[in-house]
Protein backbone atom coordinates (compact mmCIF):
# COMPACT_ATOMS: atom_id res chain seq x y z
CA MET A 1 58.58 58.62 291.37
CA PRO A 2 61.61 56.77 290.27
CA THR A 3 63.12 56.36 286.81
CA GLU A 4 62.28 52.86 284.87
CA ILE A 5 63.96 51.76 282.17
CA HIS A 6 62.26 49.10 279.77
CA GLY A 7 63.61 47.28 276.94
CA GLN A 8 61.38 47.16 273.92
CA LEU A 9 61.26 43.85 271.64
CA THR A 10 61.88 45.31 268.64
CA ALA A 11 64.87 43.75 266.30
CA ALA A 12 64.44 46.39 263.63
CA GLU A 13 68.03 47.62 262.03
CA THR A 14 69.85 45.44 264.46
CA SER A 15 72.55 42.80 263.73
CA PHE A 16 72.76 39.74 265.32
CA ALA A 17 75.11 36.56 265.39
CA ILE A 18 74.03 32.94 266.65
CA VAL A 19 76.40 30.63 267.47
CA VAL A 20 75.16 26.97 267.02
CA SER A 21 76.87 23.62 267.98
CA ARG A 22 76.66 20.84 265.34
CA PHE A 23 77.01 18.31 267.95
CA ASN A 24 72.89 17.25 268.68
CA ASP A 25 71.84 19.08 265.59
CA LEU A 26 68.68 17.37 265.49
CA ILE A 27 68.09 19.82 268.45
CA THR A 28 70.12 22.56 267.14
CA LYS A 29 68.47 23.40 264.16
CA ARG A 30 65.13 23.55 265.72
CA LEU A 31 66.64 25.97 268.10
CA LEU A 32 68.23 27.84 265.05
CA GLU A 33 64.95 27.98 263.42
CA GLY A 34 63.04 29.26 266.73
CA ALA A 35 65.57 32.23 266.73
CA ILE A 36 65.44 33.38 263.31
CA ASP A 37 61.94 33.29 263.18
CA THR A 38 61.92 35.16 266.50
CA VAL A 39 64.44 37.91 264.81
CA VAL A 40 61.71 38.18 262.06
CA ARG A 41 58.67 38.21 264.19
CA HIS A 42 59.90 41.32 266.10
CA GLY A 43 60.60 43.26 263.26
CA GLY A 44 64.05 42.35 262.35
CA ASN A 45 65.85 40.98 258.94
CA ALA A 46 66.97 37.60 258.48
CA ASP A 47 69.83 39.10 256.26
CA ARG A 48 71.43 41.14 259.07
CA ILE A 49 71.54 37.59 260.77
CA THR A 50 75.12 35.41 260.90
CA VAL A 51 74.78 31.85 261.86
CA VAL A 52 78.42 30.23 262.94
CA TRP A 53 78.31 26.88 263.53
CA VAL A 54 80.51 25.11 265.88
CA PRO A 55 81.61 21.66 266.84
CA GLY A 56 80.13 20.99 270.31
CA SER A 57 78.90 23.46 273.25
CA PHE A 58 82.07 23.85 274.68
CA GLU A 59 83.30 25.48 271.62
CA ILE A 60 80.43 28.22 271.99
CA PRO A 61 82.17 30.62 274.63
CA LEU A 62 85.35 30.78 271.97
CA ALA A 63 83.32 31.92 269.13
CA ALA A 64 80.63 33.84 270.82
CA ALA A 65 83.66 35.74 272.25
CA ALA A 66 85.24 36.87 268.93
CA ILE A 67 81.80 37.59 267.76
CA ALA A 68 80.97 39.53 270.53
CA LYS A 69 84.83 41.47 270.38
CA SER A 70 84.07 42.24 266.58
CA GLY A 71 81.93 45.26 267.17
CA LYS A 72 80.21 43.70 264.46
CA PHE A 73 76.65 42.43 266.29
CA ALA A 74 74.45 44.23 269.02
CA ALA A 75 74.13 40.58 270.49
CA VAL A 76 75.07 37.06 270.19
CA ILE A 77 72.83 33.91 270.73
CA CYS A 78 74.31 30.81 271.96
CA LEU A 79 72.21 27.71 271.44
CA GLY A 80 73.23 24.21 271.97
CA ALA A 81 71.95 20.89 273.22
CA VAL A 82 73.95 18.94 275.91
CA ILE A 83 71.96 15.47 277.06
CA GLN A 84 73.14 13.85 280.01
CA GLY A 85 74.60 10.40 279.34
CA ASN A 86 75.69 7.97 281.70
CA THR A 87 78.99 9.64 283.12
CA SER A 88 79.02 13.22 284.74
CA HIS A 89 80.49 14.43 281.50
CA HIS A 90 77.88 16.88 280.86
CA GLU A 91 77.99 18.55 284.26
CA TYR A 92 81.76 19.59 283.07
CA ILE A 93 80.23 20.81 280.02
CA ASN A 94 77.10 23.00 281.19
CA SER A 95 78.89 24.48 284.02
CA GLN A 96 81.67 25.54 281.78
CA VAL A 97 79.64 26.99 279.11
CA ALA A 98 77.39 28.85 281.34
CA ALA A 99 80.22 30.59 282.84
CA GLY A 100 82.26 31.36 279.44
CA ILE A 101 79.00 32.75 278.39
CA MET A 102 78.95 35.03 281.44
CA SER A 103 82.08 36.07 281.08
CA ILE A 104 81.89 37.53 277.42
CA THR A 105 78.91 39.44 278.65
CA ARG A 106 80.77 40.77 281.49
CA GLU A 107 83.88 41.46 279.05
CA THR A 108 82.22 43.05 276.22
CA GLY A 109 79.38 44.71 277.54
CA ILE A 110 77.40 43.03 274.35
CA PRO A 111 74.39 40.78 275.53
CA VAL A 112 75.39 37.02 274.85
CA THR A 113 72.51 34.82 275.91
CA PHE A 114 72.00 31.26 276.80
CA GLY A 115 70.00 29.17 274.82
CA VAL A 116 72.31 26.08 275.66
CA ILE A 117 69.43 23.08 276.52
CA THR A 118 70.96 20.84 279.10
CA CYS A 119 68.53 18.05 279.29
CA GLU A 120 68.34 14.23 280.81
CA SER A 121 66.94 12.65 277.50
CA MET A 122 66.25 13.49 273.69
CA ASP A 123 62.54 13.48 274.84
CA GLN A 124 63.27 16.30 277.38
CA ALA A 125 65.51 18.27 274.60
CA LEU A 126 62.72 18.14 271.89
CA ASP A 127 60.55 19.41 274.49
CA ARG A 128 62.68 22.43 274.87
CA ALA A 129 63.12 22.81 270.91
CA GLY A 130 59.78 23.53 269.78
CA GLY A 131 57.67 20.65 271.66
CA LYS A 132 55.78 21.05 274.94
CA VAL A 133 57.96 23.14 277.01
CA GLY A 134 58.24 25.57 273.92
CA ASN A 135 61.41 26.59 272.24
CA LYS A 136 65.09 27.90 274.13
CA GLY A 137 66.29 29.32 270.94
CA HIS A 138 63.01 31.67 270.58
CA GLU A 139 63.41 32.49 274.32
CA ALA A 140 67.24 33.10 274.35
CA THR A 141 66.24 35.49 271.48
CA LEU A 142 64.01 37.53 273.07
CA ALA A 143 66.23 37.79 276.09
CA ALA A 144 68.81 39.25 273.12
CA ILE A 145 66.38 41.79 271.65
CA GLU A 146 65.42 43.24 274.93
CA MET A 147 68.91 43.35 276.29
CA VAL A 148 69.63 45.52 273.30
CA SER A 149 67.35 47.78 273.42
CA VAL A 150 67.45 48.11 277.12
CA LEU A 151 71.32 48.95 276.79
CA LYS A 152 70.35 51.48 274.23
CA LYS A 153 68.56 53.50 276.59
CA ILE A 154 70.97 53.02 279.22
CA ARG A 155 73.81 54.34 277.52
CA GLY A 156 71.78 57.33 275.95
């Protein structure tokens, strides 16, 4: 029988950082509310959350890297909203933000989760920020909580 490692969804005694884009803050504030609520609902303390606001989604990886390297937080949750316009600008932003976040995780060994909504319209973004499709801030936070637990078990 193989050994299995499963993470627990408990945020007790854990410090989190949340990097949030100010651009499209109608959406990102809702994502942030979902993230904070998720930490608290899973036994965490809002006082152990540090929220870092950055100008836009493109700036998220730089702030997330500095936070992850600081050693002060168990995980970094990245929240933003990139909404497609009339040009292909969003494609460049989305791919660079995703690649940046993944590279930070690999470099630091700290969970850095992707809660950046990439949508075609404001309606789709609202649906993913607490509307019909749920809240991607909540989902990114659940992933962070579980990965902190998994890594603790792996590292002993």
